[in-house]
């Protein structure tokens, strides 16, 4: 499982529209929206390819100006989940 925390910057006055678009994407959860147009978002996807596709979709949302990766955790077949 790949879990990523992202800070999203929306165009002025378009944060709610960005939220609506983001929430339509699988595995995406919007936790907060600030008056300045910042959105706190997490994305859960089963693998790296799914995460890359999610980021690609973010870039296609016209209300979004930029995204910043804040946190990433990946549990894959090579990770040691017993420790």
N, C-alpha and C. Protein backbone atom coordinates (compact mmCIF):
# COMPACT_ATOMS: atom_id res chain seq x y z
N UNK A 1 0.86 -1.18 0.00
CA UNK A 1 0.00 0.00 0.00
C UNK A 1 0.90 1.23 0.00
N UNK A 2 0.53 2.21 -0.79
CA UNK A 2 1.26 3.46 -0.91
C UNK A 2 0.35 4.56 -0.37
N UNK A 3 0.80 5.27 0.67
CA UNK A 3 0.03 6.36 1.26
C UNK A 3 0.86 7.62 1.14
N UNK A 4 0.26 8.66 0.57
CA UNK A 4 0.97 9.91 0.33
C UNK A 4 0.16 11.08 0.85
N UNK A 5 0.84 12.01 1.55
CA UNK A 5 0.25 13.25 1.98
C UNK A 5 0.70 14.36 1.05
N UNK A 6 -0.26 15.17 0.60
CA UNK A 6 0.03 16.20 -0.40
C UNK A 6 -0.59 17.52 0.02
N UNK A 7 0.15 18.60 -0.16
CA UNK A 7 -0.38 19.95 -0.02
C UNK A 7 -0.69 20.45 -1.42
N UNK A 8 -1.94 20.77 -1.66
CA UNK A 8 -2.40 21.22 -2.98
C UNK A 8 -2.71 22.70 -2.91
N UNK A 9 -2.24 23.46 -3.90
CA UNK A 9 -2.54 24.89 -3.99
C UNK A 9 -3.51 25.08 -5.15
N UNK A 10 -4.68 25.66 -4.84
CA UNK A 10 -5.69 25.91 -5.86
C UNK A 10 -5.62 27.38 -6.31
N UNK A 11 -6.17 27.63 -7.47
CA UNK A 11 -6.27 29.02 -7.96
C UNK A 11 -7.14 29.82 -6.99
N UNK A 12 -6.88 31.11 -6.85
CA UNK A 12 -7.68 31.93 -5.93
C UNK A 12 -9.18 31.79 -6.22
N UNK A 13 -9.93 31.49 -5.17
CA UNK A 13 -11.38 31.38 -5.28
C UNK A 13 -11.87 30.06 -5.86
N UNK A 14 -10.96 29.11 -6.14
CA UNK A 14 -11.37 27.86 -6.78
C UNK A 14 -11.05 26.62 -5.94
N UNK A 15 -10.81 26.81 -4.65
CA UNK A 15 -10.45 25.69 -3.79
C UNK A 15 -11.59 24.68 -3.66
N UNK A 16 -12.81 25.14 -3.53
CA UNK A 16 -13.93 24.21 -3.39
C UNK A 16 -14.15 23.42 -4.67
N UNK A 17 -13.97 24.05 -5.82
CA UNK A 17 -14.08 23.33 -7.10
C UNK A 17 -12.97 22.29 -7.20
N UNK A 18 -11.76 22.63 -6.74
CA UNK A 18 -10.66 21.68 -6.75
C UNK A 18 -10.98 20.51 -5.82
N UNK A 19 -11.55 20.81 -4.65
CA UNK A 19 -11.95 19.76 -3.71
C UNK A 19 -12.94 18.80 -4.37
N UNK A 20 -13.93 19.34 -5.03
CA UNK A 20 -14.94 18.51 -5.69
C UNK A 20 -14.30 17.57 -6.71
N UNK A 21 -13.35 18.08 -7.50
CA UNK A 21 -12.68 17.26 -8.51
C UNK A 21 -11.79 16.20 -7.87
N UNK A 22 -11.07 16.57 -6.83
CA UNK A 22 -10.17 15.63 -6.16
C UNK A 22 -10.94 14.48 -5.52
N UNK A 23 -12.07 14.78 -4.91
CA UNK A 23 -12.84 13.75 -4.21
C UNK A 23 -13.46 12.74 -5.16
N UNK A 24 -13.48 13.02 -6.44
CA UNK A 24 -13.99 12.07 -7.43
C UNK A 24 -12.95 11.00 -7.78
N UNK A 25 -11.70 11.25 -7.41
CA UNK A 25 -10.62 10.33 -7.76
C UNK A 25 -10.53 9.19 -6.74
N UNK A 26 -10.32 7.96 -7.20
CA UNK A 26 -10.24 6.83 -6.27
C UNK A 26 -9.04 6.95 -5.34
N UNK A 27 -9.29 6.68 -4.05
CA UNK A 27 -8.23 6.69 -3.06
C UNK A 27 -7.83 8.06 -2.56
N UNK A 28 -8.52 9.11 -3.01
CA UNK A 28 -8.17 10.48 -2.62
C UNK A 28 -9.13 10.96 -1.54
N UNK A 29 -8.56 11.55 -0.48
CA UNK A 29 -9.37 12.14 0.58
C UNK A 29 -8.86 13.56 0.86
N UNK A 30 -9.77 14.52 0.85
CA UNK A 30 -9.43 15.91 1.17
C UNK A 30 -9.78 16.12 2.64
N UNK A 31 -8.77 16.47 3.45
CA UNK A 31 -8.95 16.60 4.89
C UNK A 31 -9.28 18.02 5.32
N UNK A 32 -8.78 19.00 4.58
CA UNK A 32 -9.02 20.40 4.96
C UNK A 32 -8.80 21.30 3.75
N UNK A 33 -9.51 22.44 3.80
CA UNK A 33 -9.34 23.49 2.78
C UNK A 33 -9.20 24.81 3.54
N UNK A 34 -8.14 25.56 3.24
CA UNK A 34 -7.94 26.85 3.91
C UNK A 34 -8.55 27.97 3.08
N UNK A 35 -8.83 29.10 3.70
CA UNK A 35 -9.36 30.25 2.95
C UNK A 35 -8.40 30.74 1.86
N UNK A 36 -7.10 30.46 2.02
CA UNK A 36 -6.10 30.89 1.04
C UNK A 36 -6.03 29.95 -0.17
N UNK A 37 -6.77 28.85 -0.13
CA UNK A 37 -6.79 27.94 -1.27
C UNK A 37 -5.84 26.76 -1.17
N UNK A 38 -5.42 26.42 0.05
CA UNK A 38 -4.59 25.23 0.23
C UNK A 38 -5.47 24.06 0.66
N UNK A 39 -5.18 22.90 0.13
CA UNK A 39 -5.92 21.70 0.46
C UNK A 39 -4.96 20.66 1.02
N UNK A 40 -5.35 20.03 2.11
CA UNK A 40 -4.58 18.95 2.70
C UNK A 40 -5.21 17.65 2.20
N UNK A 41 -4.42 16.85 1.49
CA UNK A 41 -4.95 15.69 0.78
C UNK A 41 -4.10 14.46 1.08
N UNK A 42 -4.76 13.31 1.21
CA UNK A 42 -4.03 12.04 1.23
C UNK A 42 -4.52 11.19 0.06
N UNK A 43 -3.60 10.38 -0.43
CA UNK A 43 -3.90 9.45 -1.51
C UNK A 43 -3.42 8.07 -1.09
N UNK A 44 -4.30 7.09 -1.17
CA UNK A 44 -3.94 5.70 -0.90
C UNK A 44 -4.12 4.91 -2.18
N UNK A 45 -3.03 4.31 -2.63
CA UNK A 45 -3.06 3.49 -3.84
C UNK A 45 -2.27 2.21 -3.57
N UNK A 46 -2.61 1.13 -4.25
CA UNK A 46 -1.95 -0.15 -3.96
C UNK A 46 -0.49 -0.24 -4.41
N UNK A 47 -0.08 0.61 -5.36
CA UNK A 47 1.29 0.50 -5.87
C UNK A 47 1.77 1.84 -6.41
N UNK A 48 3.03 1.88 -6.82
CA UNK A 48 3.64 3.11 -7.32
C UNK A 48 2.98 3.59 -8.62
N UNK A 49 2.61 2.65 -9.48
CA UNK A 49 1.96 3.03 -10.74
C UNK A 49 0.64 3.75 -10.47
N UNK A 50 -0.14 3.24 -9.53
CA UNK A 50 -1.39 3.88 -9.17
C UNK A 50 -1.18 5.28 -8.62
N UNK A 51 -0.11 5.45 -7.85
CA UNK A 51 0.20 6.77 -7.31
C UNK A 51 0.60 7.72 -8.42
N UNK A 52 1.40 7.25 -9.36
CA UNK A 52 1.80 8.08 -10.50
C UNK A 52 0.58 8.51 -11.31
N UNK A 53 -0.37 7.62 -11.49
CA UNK A 53 -1.60 7.96 -12.22
C UNK A 53 -2.41 9.01 -11.46
N UNK A 54 -2.44 8.89 -10.14
CA UNK A 54 -3.16 9.88 -9.34
C UNK A 54 -2.54 11.27 -9.51
N UNK A 55 -1.20 11.35 -9.45
CA UNK A 55 -0.52 12.63 -9.64
C UNK A 55 -0.78 13.19 -11.04
N UNK A 56 -0.82 12.32 -12.03
CA UNK A 56 -1.13 12.76 -13.38
C UNK A 56 -2.52 13.37 -13.44
N UNK A 57 -3.47 12.75 -12.77
CA UNK A 57 -4.83 13.29 -12.75
C UNK A 57 -4.90 14.63 -12.03
N UNK A 58 -4.11 14.77 -10.95
CA UNK A 58 -4.05 16.06 -10.25
C UNK A 58 -3.64 17.16 -11.23
N UNK A 59 -2.64 16.86 -12.05
CA UNK A 59 -2.12 17.88 -12.97
C UNK A 59 -3.13 18.27 -14.05
N UNK A 60 -4.14 17.47 -14.24
CA UNK A 60 -5.16 17.76 -15.25
C UNK A 60 -6.36 18.54 -14.71
N UNK A 61 -6.37 18.81 -13.42
CA UNK A 61 -7.46 19.57 -12.80
C UNK A 61 -7.11 21.05 -12.94
N UNK A 62 -7.90 21.80 -13.74
CA UNK A 62 -7.53 23.19 -14.04
C UNK A 62 -7.50 24.12 -12.82
N UNK A 63 -8.22 23.79 -11.76
CA UNK A 63 -8.25 24.64 -10.57
C UNK A 63 -6.98 24.51 -9.72
N UNK A 64 -6.16 23.50 -9.99
CA UNK A 64 -4.96 23.26 -9.20
C UNK A 64 -3.75 23.95 -9.84
N UNK A 65 -3.06 24.74 -9.02
CA UNK A 65 -1.86 25.46 -9.46
C UNK A 65 -0.61 24.59 -9.25
N UNK A 66 -0.51 23.98 -8.04
CA UNK A 66 0.67 23.18 -7.75
C UNK A 66 0.36 22.16 -6.67
N UNK A 67 1.23 21.16 -6.57
CA UNK A 67 1.14 20.15 -5.52
C UNK A 67 2.53 19.98 -4.90
N UNK A 68 2.53 19.69 -3.61
CA UNK A 68 3.79 19.47 -2.89
C UNK A 68 3.67 18.17 -2.11
N UNK A 69 4.58 17.24 -2.37
CA UNK A 69 4.61 15.99 -1.63
C UNK A 69 5.11 16.29 -0.22
N UNK A 70 4.32 15.90 0.78
CA UNK A 70 4.67 16.16 2.17
C UNK A 70 5.08 14.89 2.88
N UNK A 71 4.45 13.78 2.52
CA UNK A 71 4.71 12.51 3.21
C UNK A 71 4.46 11.36 2.26
N UNK A 72 5.27 10.30 2.38
CA UNK A 72 5.03 9.09 1.60
C UNK A 72 5.44 7.87 2.40
N UNK A 73 4.56 6.88 2.41
CA UNK A 73 4.85 5.60 3.06
C UNK A 73 4.46 4.50 2.09
N UNK A 74 5.37 3.54 1.90
CA UNK A 74 5.10 2.44 0.98
C UNK A 74 5.41 1.12 1.65
N UNK A 75 4.40 0.25 1.71
CA UNK A 75 4.59 -1.12 2.16
C UNK A 75 4.47 -2.01 0.94
N UNK A 76 5.60 -2.49 0.48
CA UNK A 76 5.60 -3.34 -0.69
C UNK A 76 6.10 -4.73 -0.36
N UNK A 77 6.25 -5.56 -1.37
CA UNK A 77 6.70 -6.93 -1.13
C UNK A 77 8.11 -7.01 -0.56
N UNK A 78 8.93 -5.98 -0.76
CA UNK A 78 10.30 -6.00 -0.25
C UNK A 78 10.43 -5.36 1.13
N UNK A 79 9.34 -4.75 1.62
CA UNK A 79 9.44 -4.07 2.92
C UNK A 79 9.37 -5.11 4.06
N UNK A 80 9.97 -4.77 5.15
CA UNK A 80 10.00 -5.65 6.30
C UNK A 80 8.87 -5.29 7.25
N UNK A 81 7.77 -5.96 7.17
CA UNK A 81 6.61 -5.63 7.99
C UNK A 81 6.61 -6.35 9.33
N UNK A 82 7.64 -7.15 9.62
CA UNK A 82 7.68 -7.89 10.87
C UNK A 82 8.42 -7.15 11.98
N UNK A 83 9.12 -6.07 11.62
CA UNK A 83 9.89 -5.36 12.66
C UNK A 83 9.14 -4.17 13.18
